[in-house]
């Protein structure tokens, strides 16, 4: 791993990051993001996070990430408020890596970096896609172009793909092939053992019957071809955002290969490289950030103006509250064209039913508009309760009222699971481990984990074993579709930013959207319709609105 060079005046990087965190905390207090009465809470959280980061040897990783995020900030390159579980880290917020206060939104560091399991922290960084390459070029210049490379990703032949391909070679009718292929899982993990086609056939009556219908010599050849090829590499791509940084030239330590678009890339995949303790950073691009930045440039708005803009109505001036109200009015009315991740018609209808008035409402829609939640009926139940059409009852235990009331007494976030079992006696790290076990649907494994980590210490228990097990039986049904709240809050803030731009600067928003989708007739038709609604039937001509 590369070592972050300690600036002059500091004995080591631990001392340096401590100074950065102290400055970051002071700045947040000065700007009113942290109240005087809550300072001790933040200091305790800093101590907890920094102890684990330091003990695990990841101080340099956080400093390195802060370095290129800081360079982007200084060069007016827009970055998203956060992505994934990293928004649950207070240290990331204080270092300027993320723009979300985790304590304000009940986000947990243990969801990002769990002391109970050895796993490298993974900070995903979204930048405006028009400037993403500049950030990557800076990192290459900072650490040496021979010491940095994107990671390869191998797509492999799956049983589904091979079944279709081999059937095509054998001249089997497409309709027959398609019907059977739909019963075969098309996903193959890149780094796990792959089940043979023979094993799959034994558990799938449709496949077995099809193979038996083939002539004997063809049947054997059919199965042998798929069993031989399944799991082998089909083609090589580049991992989205994943880049390896080393303290010495990569060609001295690993095989590399030439890529058409990205120059030199690693032959090994991300999982293999991280197991060997190579440092991976993620530099990703989002077009929405480029759109926002173009609008900002045209209206004279700086990155500081956007980053410092409150997302709570009561913290805004009367003038800005007008734009806040208009932004949420657009969301309530379903005018979501151009709004980050809310452009689809189905999620827009869900948003309208929510009648959002604050950031947490947008985040809830992000969490409940998921296949598992929809299939379980929890999404519709949430919306009925939200609109007073169904009584909002806590079916778990009164102990969890403060956790569940904000989400209509329906568990929708992974962080809620962690909070609930923390109240039952597990520490946050162990509660997150239990959540991962519960996601598998294995009740017995959950009971075993509680036997080993909670029931063996009765003094820590808030409820009896029977009561706790009853709660496990209920939550395990929801565990598989719970959403990462850190990610939901981060991306919902980005959605609000786009809604704010659309509300406050409608002409510029429309203009930038037209230019951004130049040549895309479908999107231009959507933009034209949006312009007519937003600008009250404007006159639109080439180069002018």
Protein backbone atom coordinates (compact mmCIF):
# COMPACT_ATOMS: atom_id res chain seq x y z
CA UNK A 1 0.00 0.00 0.00
CA UNK A 2 1.21 3.55 -0.70
CA UNK A 3 2.15 5.60 2.33
CA UNK A 4 0.74 9.08 2.66
CA UNK A 5 3.70 11.39 3.14
CA UNK A 6 3.35 13.15 6.48
CA UNK A 7 3.39 16.96 6.07
CA UNK A 8 6.16 18.89 7.79
CA UNK A 9 5.47 19.78 11.39
CA UNK A 10 3.79 16.46 12.24
CA UNK A 11 5.43 13.44 13.81
CA UNK A 12 3.27 10.92 11.96
CA UNK A 13 0.02 10.56 10.06
CA UNK A 14 -1.97 9.77 13.20
CA UNK A 15 -1.04 13.17 14.56
CA UNK A 16 -1.88 14.77 11.20
CA UNK A 17 -5.33 13.20 10.86
CA UNK A 18 -6.05 14.13 14.48
CA UNK A 19 -5.30 17.77 13.61
CA UNK A 20 -7.51 17.59 10.49
CA UNK A 21 -10.39 16.15 12.51
CA UNK A 22 -10.00 18.80 15.19
CA UNK A 23 -10.13 21.51 12.51
CA UNK A 24 -13.10 19.84 10.83
CA UNK A 25 -15.00 19.63 14.11
CA UNK A 26 -14.28 23.28 14.92
CA UNK A 27 -15.51 24.34 11.48
CA UNK A 28 -18.76 22.36 11.83
CA UNK A 29 -19.37 23.93 15.26
CA UNK A 30 -18.62 27.39 13.90
CA UNK A 31 -21.05 26.98 10.99
CA UNK A 32 -23.79 25.63 13.25
CA UNK A 33 -23.80 22.07 11.89
CA UNK A 34 -22.95 20.83 15.40
CA UNK A 35 -24.55 22.39 18.47
CA UNK A 36 -22.58 23.14 21.63
CA UNK A 37 -24.63 20.68 23.71
CA UNK A 38 -23.84 17.82 21.31
CA UNK A 39 -20.07 18.30 21.12
CA UNK A 40 -19.31 15.43 23.52
CA UNK A 41 -21.37 13.03 21.38
CA UNK A 42 -19.29 13.92 18.33
CA UNK A 43 -15.99 13.68 20.20
CA UNK A 44 -16.88 10.21 21.49
CA UNK A 45 -17.81 9.10 17.98
CA UNK A 46 -14.55 10.47 16.56
CA UNK A 47 -12.61 8.55 19.20
CA UNK A 48 -14.46 5.31 18.41
CA UNK A 49 -13.97 5.60 14.67
CA UNK A 50 -10.36 6.79 14.77
CA UNK A 51 -9.35 4.04 17.18
CA UNK A 52 -10.60 1.34 14.82
CA UNK A 53 -9.19 3.04 11.71
CA UNK A 54 -5.82 3.43 13.40
CA UNK A 55 -5.73 -0.07 14.89
CA UNK A 56 -6.55 -1.62 11.50
CA UNK A 57 -3.89 0.47 9.75
CA UNK A 58 -6.17 2.50 7.48
CA UNK A 59 -5.17 6.06 8.43
CA UNK A 60 -3.24 6.46 5.16
CA UNK A 61 -6.24 5.26 3.16
CA UNK A 62 -8.46 7.98 4.62
CA UNK A 63 -5.77 10.63 4.12
CA UNK A 64 -5.20 9.55 0.53
CA UNK A 65 -8.93 9.66 -0.21
CA UNK A 66 -9.20 13.06 1.43
CA UNK A 67 -6.29 14.22 -0.73
CA UNK A 68 -7.94 13.66 -4.11
CA UNK A 69 -11.38 14.70 -2.82
CA UNK A 70 -9.76 17.89 -1.54
CA UNK A 71 -8.07 18.47 -4.89
CA UNK A 72 -11.41 18.09 -6.65
CA UNK A 73 -12.98 20.61 -4.23
CA UNK A 74 -10.17 23.12 -4.75
CA UNK A 75 -10.61 22.77 -8.52
CA UNK A 76 -14.41 23.26 -8.38
CA UNK A 77 -15.16 19.68 -9.40
CA UNK A 78 -18.51 18.66 -7.97
CA UNK A 79 -18.77 15.53 -5.82
CA UNK A 80 -21.90 13.75 -4.61
CA UNK A 81 -22.85 14.03 -0.90
CA UNK A 82 -21.82 10.42 -0.47
CA UNK A 83 -22.33 6.92 -1.75
CA UNK A 84 -22.83 3.61 0.02
CA UNK A 85 -22.06 3.00 3.66
CA UNK A 86 -19.14 5.48 3.84
CA UNK A 87 -21.69 8.21 4.62
CA UNK A 88 -22.06 6.49 8.00
CA UNK A 89 -18.56 7.64 8.97
CA UNK A 90 -18.26 10.86 10.95
CA UNK A 91 -14.57 11.01 10.06
CA UNK A 92 -15.43 11.01 6.34
CA UNK A 93 -17.74 13.97 6.92
CA UNK A 94 -15.20 15.94 8.97
CA UNK A 95 -12.45 15.27 6.40
CA UNK A 96 -14.64 16.52 3.53
CA UNK A 97 -14.89 13.12 1.84
CA UNK A 98 -18.69 13.08 2.29
CA UNK A 99 -21.29 15.83 2.83
CA UNK A 100 -23.69 13.98 5.14
CA UNK A 101 -23.76 14.31 8.94
CA UNK A 102 -24.14 10.66 10.06
CA UNK A 103 -25.22 11.46 13.62
CA UNK A 104 -28.04 13.71 12.42
CA UNK A 105 -29.53 10.87 10.36
CA UNK A 106 -28.73 7.91 12.68
CA UNK A 107 -26.14 6.40 10.35
CA UNK A 108 -23.64 3.95 11.80
CA UNK A 109 -19.90 3.62 11.33
CA UNK A 110 -20.19 -0.11 12.01
CA UNK A 111 -22.26 -0.52 8.84
CA UNK A 112 -19.24 0.88 6.98
CA UNK A 113 -16.36 -0.57 8.96
CA UNK A 114 -17.31 -3.33 11.37
CA UNK A 115 -14.87 -4.11 14.22
CA UNK A 116 -16.30 -7.65 14.35
CA UNK A 117 -15.08 -8.64 10.88
CA UNK A 118 -11.87 -8.04 9.00
CA UNK A 119 -12.79 -6.23 5.80
CA UNK A 120 -11.14 -3.29 4.10
CA UNK A 121 -13.08 -0.01 4.17
CA UNK A 122 -14.48 0.86 0.75
CA UNK A 123 -15.19 4.52 0.01
CA UNK A 124 -16.97 5.09 -3.30
CA UNK A 125 -16.45 8.59 -4.67
CA UNK A 126 -18.83 10.09 -7.25
CA UNK A 127 -17.63 13.06 -9.28
CA UNK A 128 -19.20 14.92 -12.19
CA UNK A 129 -18.54 12.59 -15.11
CA UNK A 130 -17.20 15.42 -17.29
CA UNK A 131 -14.30 15.88 -14.85
CA UNK A 132 -13.78 12.33 -13.60
CA UNK A 133 -10.72 11.82 -15.81
CA UNK A 134 -9.09 14.93 -14.38
CA UNK A 135 -9.41 13.44 -10.88
CA UNK A 136 -7.90 10.16 -12.08
CA UNK A 137 -5.09 12.04 -13.82
CA UNK A 138 -4.35 13.91 -10.59
CA UNK A 139 -4.11 10.65 -8.64
CA UNK A 140 -1.79 9.18 -11.31
CA UNK A 141 0.43 12.26 -11.18
CA UNK A 142 0.38 12.32 -7.38
CA UNK A 143 1.39 8.67 -6.94
CA UNK A 144 3.13 7.91 -10.23
CA UNK A 145 1.49 6.68 -13.41
CA UNK A 146 3.29 3.32 -13.18
CA UNK A 147 1.94 2.82 -9.64
CA UNK A 148 -1.74 3.08 -10.53
CA UNK A 149 -4.05 1.06 -12.79
CA UNK A 150 -7.75 0.27 -13.23
CA UNK A 151 -8.80 -3.29 -12.35
CA UNK A 152 -9.89 -5.96 -14.79
CA UNK A 153 -13.27 -7.65 -14.42
CA UNK A 154 -13.99 -11.00 -16.03
CA UNK A 155 -17.45 -11.97 -17.21
CA UNK A 156 -17.87 -15.72 -17.32
CA UNK A 157 -20.00 -18.20 -19.17
CA UNK A 158 -23.14 -19.02 -17.22
CA UNK A 159 -25.39 -22.06 -17.52
CA UNK A 160 -28.14 -19.85 -18.94
CA UNK A 161 -25.93 -18.33 -21.64
CA UNK A 162 -24.37 -21.66 -22.60
CA UNK A 163 -27.72 -23.43 -22.74
CA UNK A 164 -28.95 -20.86 -25.25
CA UNK A 165 -25.71 -20.89 -27.30
CA UNK A 166 -25.43 -24.67 -27.51
CA UNK A 167 -29.13 -25.08 -28.32
CA UNK A 168 -28.64 -22.59 -31.15
CA UNK A 169 -25.79 -24.71 -32.54
CA UNK A 170 -27.93 -27.82 -32.25
CA UNK A 171 -30.72 -26.13 -34.17
CA UNK A 172 -33.32 -26.21 -31.38
CA UNK A 173 -36.37 -23.99 -31.86
CA UNK A 174 -35.98 -20.62 -30.10
CA UNK A 175 -39.38 -20.62 -28.34
CA UNK A 176 -38.58 -23.97 -26.74
CA UNK A 177 -35.09 -22.84 -25.72
CA UNK A 178 -36.31 -19.55 -24.29
CA UNK A 179 -38.96 -21.20 -22.12
CA UNK A 180 -36.44 -23.58 -20.51
CA UNK A 181 -33.64 -21.00 -20.24
CA UNK A 182 -35.86 -18.76 -18.13
CA UNK A 183 -35.81 -21.44 -15.42
CA UNK A 184 -31.99 -21.28 -15.22
CA UNK A 185 -30.31 -18.63 -13.12
CA UNK A 186 -28.22 -16.39 -15.36
CA UNK A 187 -25.89 -15.10 -12.64
CA UNK A 188 -22.45 -16.50 -11.99
CA UNK A 189 -20.24 -15.03 -9.28
CA UNK A 190 -16.84 -14.04 -10.59
CA UNK A 191 -14.89 -15.56 -7.74
CA UNK A 192 -16.93 -18.50 -6.46
CA UNK A 193 -17.18 -22.11 -7.50
CA UNK A 194 -19.74 -22.63 -10.24
CA UNK A 195 -22.21 -25.51 -10.14
CA UNK A 196 -21.83 -27.89 -13.06
CA UNK A 197 -24.57 -28.15 -15.64
CA UNK A 198 -25.02 -31.78 -14.58
CA UNK A 199 -25.78 -30.64 -11.01
CA UNK A 200 -28.19 -27.98 -12.27
CA UNK A 201 -29.92 -30.52 -14.50
CA UNK A 202 -30.50 -32.89 -11.57
CA UNK A 203 -32.51 -30.18 -9.79
CA UNK A 204 -34.36 -28.88 -12.86
CA UNK A 205 -36.97 -31.24 -14.31
CA UNK A 206 -37.45 -29.12 -17.45
CA UNK A 207 -33.77 -29.33 -18.37
CA UNK A 208 -33.63 -33.02 -17.58
CA UNK A 209 -36.63 -33.74 -19.78
CA UNK A 210 -35.17 -31.66 -22.62
CA UNK A 211 -31.80 -33.44 -22.54
CA UNK A 212 -33.51 -36.83 -22.49
CA UNK A 213 -35.45 -35.82 -25.62
CA UNK A 214 -32.18 -35.46 -27.56
CA UNK A 215 -30.60 -38.44 -29.41
CA UNK A 216 -28.19 -40.31 -27.08
CA UNK A 217 -25.01 -39.13 -28.80
CA UNK A 218 -26.24 -35.51 -28.87
CA UNK A 219 -27.42 -35.58 -25.26
CA UNK A 220 -23.98 -36.59 -23.97
CA UNK A 221 -22.22 -34.05 -26.18
CA UNK A 222 -24.70 -31.31 -25.15
CA UNK A 223 -24.02 -31.80 -21.45
CA UNK A 224 -20.25 -32.22 -21.90
CA UNK A 225 -19.89 -28.97 -23.87
CA UNK A 226 -21.68 -26.92 -21.20
CA UNK A 227 -19.91 -28.63 -18.29
CA UNK A 228 -16.55 -27.98 -19.94
CA UNK A 229 -17.10 -24.30 -20.73
CA UNK A 230 -19.24 -23.16 -17.78
CA UNK A 231 -17.42 -20.73 -15.49
CA UNK A 232 -14.68 -19.97 -18.03
CA UNK A 233 -13.89 -16.38 -18.98
CA UNK A 234 -16.07 -15.02 -21.74
CA UNK A 235 -14.59 -11.53 -22.01
CA UNK A 236 -12.60 -8.97 -20.08
CA UNK A 237 -13.98 -5.62 -19.00
CA UNK A 238 -12.87 -2.91 -16.59
CA UNK A 239 -14.26 -2.73 -13.05
CA UNK A 240 -16.41 0.36 -12.64
CA UNK A 241 -14.37 2.91 -10.74
CA UNK A 242 -11.99 0.40 -9.12
CA UNK A 243 -8.36 1.59 -9.28
CA UNK A 244 -5.32 0.07 -7.58
CA UNK A 245 -2.62 2.32 -6.10
CA UNK A 246 0.77 0.98 -5.01
CA UNK A 247 3.93 2.34 -3.47
CA UNK A 248 6.03 0.89 -6.33
CA UNK A 249 5.53 0.14 -10.05
CA UNK A 250 2.73 -2.36 -10.53
CA UNK A 251 4.54 -4.27 -13.27
CA UNK A 252 7.02 -5.44 -10.62
CA UNK A 253 4.25 -7.09 -8.58
CA UNK A 254 1.46 -8.31 -10.87
CA UNK A 255 0.53 -9.15 -14.45
CA UNK A 256 -0.85 -6.23 -16.45
CA UNK A 257 -2.51 -5.97 -19.84
CA UNK A 258 -3.23 -3.31 -22.42
CA UNK A 259 -6.75 -1.96 -22.64
CA UNK A 260 -8.31 -0.16 -25.58
CA UNK A 261 -9.72 2.73 -23.53
CA UNK A 262 -7.98 2.77 -20.14
CA UNK A 263 -4.34 2.11 -21.10
CA UNK A 264 -2.77 -0.47 -18.78
CA UNK A 265 -5.09 -2.45 -16.48
CA UNK A 266 -4.49 -5.23 -13.96
CA UNK A 267 -4.93 -8.87 -14.96
CA UNK A 268 -6.17 -9.70 -11.46
CA UNK A 269 -9.64 -8.74 -10.29
CA UNK A 270 -10.59 -6.41 -7.45
CA UNK A 271 -11.39 -9.15 -4.90
CA UNK A 272 -8.07 -10.89 -5.55
CA UNK A 273 -6.13 -7.64 -5.26
CA UNK A 274 -7.78 -6.52 -2.02
CA UNK A 275 -7.11 -9.95 -0.47
CA UNK A 276 -3.45 -9.32 -1.25
CA UNK A 277 -3.75 -5.96 0.56
CA UNK A 278 -3.43 -3.74 -2.50
CA UNK A 279 -5.13 -0.42 -1.92
CA UNK A 280 -8.23 0.16 -4.06
CA UNK A 281 -9.86 3.53 -4.58
CA UNK A 282 -13.13 4.16 -6.39
CA UNK A 283 -13.42 7.21 -8.65
CA UNK A 284 -16.83 7.14 -10.32
CA UNK A 285 -18.70 9.57 -12.55
CA UNK A 286 -22.32 10.77 -12.50
CA UNK A 287 -23.79 12.83 -15.33
CA UNK A 288 -26.29 14.50 -12.98
CA UNK A 289 -23.39 16.18 -11.17
CA UNK A 290 -22.16 17.57 -14.50
CA UNK A 291 -25.64 18.94 -15.22
CA UNK A 292 -25.83 20.61 -11.81
CA UNK A 293 -22.35 22.08 -12.24
CA UNK A 294 -23.23 23.54 -15.65
CA UNK A 295 -26.24 25.28 -14.11
CA UNK A 296 -24.11 26.53 -11.23
CA UNK A 297 -21.54 27.95 -13.63
CA UNK A 298 -24.23 29.83 -15.54
CA UNK A 299 -25.84 31.38 -12.44
CA UNK A 300 -22.59 32.18 -10.61
CA UNK A 301 -23.04 29.57 -7.87
CA UNK A 302 -19.91 28.06 -6.28
CA UNK A 303 -19.37 24.61 -4.87
CA UNK A 304 -19.30 26.14 -1.38
CA UNK A 305 -22.72 27.67 -2.04
CA UNK A 306 -24.12 24.23 -2.83
CA UNK A 307 -22.29 22.26 -0.15
CA UNK A 308 -23.25 24.79 2.55
CA UNK A 309 -26.90 24.99 1.47
CA UNK A 310 -29.14 23.60 4.26
CA UNK A 311 -31.50 20.78 3.30
CA UNK A 312 -33.87 21.53 6.19
CA UNK A 313 -36.52 24.19 5.58
CA UNK A 314 -36.26 25.82 9.01
CA UNK A 315 -32.58 26.59 8.43
CA UNK A 316 -33.24 28.55 5.23
CA UNK A 317 -33.96 32.24 4.72
CA UNK A 318 -37.51 33.22 3.75
CA UNK A 319 -36.36 33.75 0.16
CA UNK A 320 -34.76 30.31 -0.02
CA UNK A 321 -37.77 28.66 1.61
CA UNK A 322 -39.76 29.66 -1.48
CA UNK A 323 -37.40 27.63 -3.68
CA UNK A 324 -37.42 24.76 -1.16
CA UNK A 325 -41.22 24.65 -1.25
CA UNK A 326 -41.24 24.80 -5.04
CA UNK A 327 -38.73 21.94 -5.25
CA UNK A 328 -40.93 19.70 -3.12
CA UNK A 329 -44.01 20.84 -5.01
CA UNK A 330 -42.41 19.55 -8.21
CA UNK A 331 -41.77 16.19 -6.53
CA UNK A 332 -45.31 16.00 -5.14
CA UNK A 333 -46.79 16.75 -8.55
CA UNK A 334 -44.67 14.09 -10.24
CA UNK A 335 -42.64 16.57 -12.28
CA UNK A 336 -39.52 14.44 -11.88
CA UNK A 337 -37.96 14.65 -15.33
CA UNK A 338 -34.27 15.33 -14.76
CA UNK A 339 -34.46 14.54 -11.02
CA UNK A 340 -31.67 12.16 -10.03
CA UNK A 341 -32.95 8.55 -9.89
CA UNK A 342 -36.60 9.62 -9.97
CA UNK A 343 -37.19 9.90 -13.71
CA UNK A 344 -39.10 6.61 -14.02
CA UNK A 345 -42.90 6.64 -14.08
CA UNK A 346 -43.38 3.97 -11.38
CA UNK A 347 -41.04 5.48 -8.80
CA UNK A 348 -42.57 8.88 -9.58
CA UNK A 349 -46.04 7.54 -8.68
CA UNK A 350 -44.57 6.18 -5.44
CA UNK A 351 -43.05 9.59 -4.71
CA UNK A 352 -46.36 11.32 -5.36
CA UNK A 353 -48.14 9.01 -2.94
CA UNK A 354 -45.49 9.79 -0.35
CA UNK A 355 -46.18 13.55 -0.67
CA UNK A 356 -42.59 14.38 0.34
CA UNK A 357 -41.83 17.51 2.37
CA UNK A 358 -38.30 16.75 3.60
CA UNK A 359 -35.14 14.83 2.72
CA UNK A 360 -36.07 11.81 4.85
CA UNK A 361 -39.23 11.36 2.75
CA UNK A 362 -37.20 11.16 -0.45
CA UNK A 363 -34.86 8.67 1.23
CA UNK A 364 -37.81 6.51 2.31
CA UNK A 365 -39.00 6.28 -1.30
CA UNK A 366 -35.49 5.28 -2.34
CA UNK A 367 -35.67 2.50 0.25
CA UNK A 368 -39.19 1.17 -0.35
CA UNK A 369 -39.22 1.27 -4.14
CA UNK A 370 -37.33 -2.04 -4.34
CA UNK A 371 -38.46 -5.40 -5.76
CA UNK A 372 -38.37 -7.20 -2.40
CA UNK A 373 -40.29 -4.48 -0.57
CA UNK A 374 -42.89 -4.25 -3.34
CA UNK A 375 -43.33 -8.04 -3.49
CA UNK A 376 -43.80 -8.28 0.28
CA UNK A 377 -46.51 -5.60 0.23
CA UNK A 378 -44.49 -3.39 2.58
CA UNK A 379 -44.31 -0.52 0.10
CA UNK A 380 -48.09 -0.22 -0.25
CA UNK A 381 -48.53 -0.65 3.52
CA UNK A 382 -46.02 2.15 4.11
CA UNK A 383 -47.85 4.49 1.74
CA UNK A 384 -51.28 3.65 3.19
CA UNK A 385 -50.02 4.41 6.68
CA UNK A 386 -48.35 7.57 5.48
CA UNK A 387 -51.66 8.80 4.09
CA UNK A 388 -53.76 7.78 7.09
CA UNK A 389 -55.49 4.94 5.27
CA UNK A 390 -54.15 2.31 7.66
CA UNK A 391 -53.29 2.45 11.35
CA UNK A 392 -49.57 2.63 11.99
CA UNK A 393 -48.89 -0.05 14.60
CA UNK A 394 -45.59 -1.32 15.98
CA UNK A 395 -45.88 -5.11 15.59
CA UNK A 396 -42.41 -5.77 17.02
CA UNK A 397 -42.14 -4.39 20.56
CA UNK A 398 -42.73 -1.02 22.29
CA UNK A 399 -38.98 -0.92 22.94
CA UNK A 400 -38.52 0.04 19.29
CA UNK A 401 -41.06 2.89 19.03
CA UNK A 402 -38.44 5.62 18.56
CA UNK A 403 -36.73 3.58 15.84
CA UNK A 404 -39.83 2.62 13.84
CA UNK A 405 -42.23 5.57 14.21
CA UNK A 406 -40.32 7.72 11.63
CA UNK A 407 -40.93 4.99 9.01
CA UNK A 408 -44.58 4.26 9.80
CA UNK A 409 -43.61 1.37 12.12
CA UNK A 410 -42.28 -0.55 9.12
CA UNK A 411 -38.63 -1.54 9.09
CA UNK A 412 -37.10 -0.34 5.80
CA UNK A 413 -33.45 0.36 6.66
CA UNK A 414 -30.58 -1.93 7.59
CA UNK A 415 -29.64 0.63 10.23
CA UNK A 416 -33.00 0.08 11.95
CA UNK A 417 -32.23 -3.62 12.29
CA UNK A 418 -28.89 -2.71 13.87
CA UNK A 419 -30.53 -0.22 16.23
CA UNK A 420 -33.19 -2.71 17.32
CA UNK A 421 -30.73 -5.45 18.22
CA UNK A 422 -28.45 -2.93 19.87
CA UNK A 423 -31.38 -2.14 22.18
CA UNK A 424 -31.76 -5.88 22.79
CA UNK A 425 -28.18 -6.08 24.03
CA UNK A 426 -25.80 -6.55 21.08
CA UNK A 427 -23.19 -3.92 20.28
CA UNK A 428 -23.49 -2.26 16.88
CA UNK A 429 -20.85 -4.44 15.26
CA UNK A 430 -22.43 -7.71 16.36
CA UNK A 431 -25.89 -6.43 15.43
CA UNK A 432 -24.63 -5.83 11.90
CA UNK A 433 -23.21 -9.36 11.74
CA UNK A 434 -26.61 -10.71 12.82
CA UNK A 435 -28.25 -8.61 10.09
CA UNK A 436 -26.06 -10.27 7.48
CA UNK A 437 -26.98 -13.71 8.81
CA UNK A 438 -30.67 -12.78 8.84
CA UNK A 439 -30.42 -11.77 5.18
CA UNK A 440 -29.82 -15.43 4.33
CA UNK A 441 -33.20 -16.35 5.89
CA UNK A 442 -31.59 -18.95 8.19
CA UNK A 443 -33.44 -18.64 11.53
CA UNK A 444 -31.39 -21.38 13.17
CA UNK A 445 -28.17 -19.55 12.32
CA UNK A 446 -29.65 -16.39 13.88
CA UNK A 447 -30.58 -18.29 17.07
CA UNK A 448 -27.08 -19.81 17.19
CA UNK A 449 -25.44 -16.39 16.81
CA UNK A 450 -27.60 -14.98 19.61
CA UNK A 451 -26.79 -18.00 21.80
CA UNK A 452 -23.08 -17.30 21.37
CA UNK A 453 -23.17 -13.51 21.54
CA UNK A 454 -26.14 -12.44 23.67
CA UNK A 455 -27.98 -15.23 25.50
CA UNK A 456 -24.73 -16.34 27.14
CA UNK A 457 -24.65 -12.98 28.98
CA UNK A 458 -28.14 -12.52 30.49
CA UNK A 459 -27.12 -9.26 32.16
CA UNK A 460 -26.93 -7.60 28.72
CA UNK A 461 -30.38 -8.71 27.61
CA UNK A 462 -33.27 -6.25 27.49
CA UNK A 463 -35.89 -8.98 26.92
CA UNK A 464 -36.20 -12.70 27.61
CA UNK A 465 -34.88 -15.32 25.20
CA UNK A 466 -38.42 -16.19 24.09
CA UNK A 467 -39.32 -12.54 23.45
CA UNK A 468 -36.08 -11.95 21.55
CA UNK A 469 -36.62 -15.05 19.41
CA UNK A 470 -40.14 -13.88 18.54
CA UNK A 471 -38.63 -10.61 17.29
CA UNK A 472 -36.08 -12.57 15.25
CA UNK A 473 -38.93 -14.50 13.63
CA UNK A 474 -40.52 -11.24 12.53
CA UNK A 475 -37.48 -9.27 11.43
CA UNK A 476 -35.92 -12.11 9.45
CA UNK A 477 -38.75 -11.82 6.94
CA UNK A 478 -37.78 -8.22 6.23
CA UNK A 479 -33.99 -8.54 6.56
CA UNK A 480 -33.47 -9.56 2.95
CA UNK A 481 -34.90 -6.36 1.49
CA UNK A 482 -33.77 -3.72 3.98
CA UNK A 483 -31.91 -0.83 2.36
CA UNK A 484 -28.69 0.95 3.30
CA UNK A 485 -29.85 4.22 4.88
CA UNK A 486 -26.44 5.87 4.43
CA UNK A 487 -26.76 5.43 0.68
CA UNK A 488 -30.44 6.43 0.65
CA UNK A 489 -29.76 9.71 2.48
CA UNK A 490 -26.73 10.54 0.30
CA UNK A 491 -28.44 9.97 -3.03
CA UNK A 492 -31.65 11.62 -1.83
CA UNK A 493 -29.64 14.76 -1.10
CA UNK A 494 -28.39 14.64 -4.68
CA UNK A 495 -32.01 14.25 -5.84
CA UNK A 496 -32.94 17.32 -3.78
CA UNK A 497 -30.08 19.29 -5.34
CA UNK A 498 -31.50 18.60 -8.80
CA UNK A 499 -35.03 19.47 -7.68
CA UNK A 500 -33.71 22.72 -6.16
CA UNK A 501 -31.96 23.66 -9.41
CA UNK A 502 -35.12 22.89 -11.36
CA UNK A 503 -37.21 25.00 -8.97
CA UNK A 504 -34.92 28.02 -8.64
CA UNK A 505 -33.38 28.15 -12.12
CA UNK A 506 -36.00 26.55 -14.42
CA UNK A 507 -34.78 28.26 -17.63
CA UNK A 508 -31.18 27.25 -17.05
CA UNK A 509 -32.22 23.76 -15.98
CA UNK A 510 -34.14 23.26 -19.23
CA UNK A 511 -31.34 24.74 -21.34
CA UNK A 512 -28.69 22.49 -19.81
CA UNK A 513 -30.92 19.42 -20.13
CA UNK A 514 -31.49 20.13 -23.83
CA UNK A 515 -27.75 20.54 -24.44
CA UNK A 516 -26.87 17.50 -22.34
CA UNK A 517 -29.16 15.24 -24.38
CA UNK A 518 -28.16 16.68 -27.74
CA UNK A 519 -28.84 14.11 -30.44
CA UNK A 520 -31.04 11.92 -28.22
CA UNK A 521 -34.51 12.29 -29.73
CA UNK A 522 -36.34 10.39 -27.00
CA UNK A 523 -34.87 12.51 -24.21
CA UNK A 524 -35.35 15.69 -26.21
CA UNK A 525 -39.05 14.91 -26.49
CA UNK A 526 -39.17 14.50 -22.71
CA UNK A 527 -37.26 17.76 -22.28
CA UNK A 528 -39.62 19.59 -24.61
CA UNK A 529 -42.62 18.40 -22.65
CA UNK A 530 -40.90 19.40 -19.40
CA UNK A 531 -40.12 22.85 -20.79
CA UNK A 532 -43.74 23.46 -21.74
CA UNK A 533 -44.91 22.62 -18.21
CA UNK A 534 -42.10 24.30 -16.33
CA UNK A 535 -41.88 27.52 -18.36
CA UNK A 536 -45.55 27.93 -19.30
CA UNK A 537 -45.37 27.20 -23.05
CA UNK A 538 -42.08 28.92 -23.92
CA UNK A 539 -41.00 29.72 -27.48
CA UNK A 540 -38.22 27.26 -28.29
CA UNK A 541 -35.97 27.60 -31.34
CA UNK A 542 -32.51 26.48 -32.35
CA UNK A 543 -30.11 27.95 -29.80
CA UNK A 544 -32.78 29.76 -27.86
CA UNK A 545 -35.58 29.30 -25.35
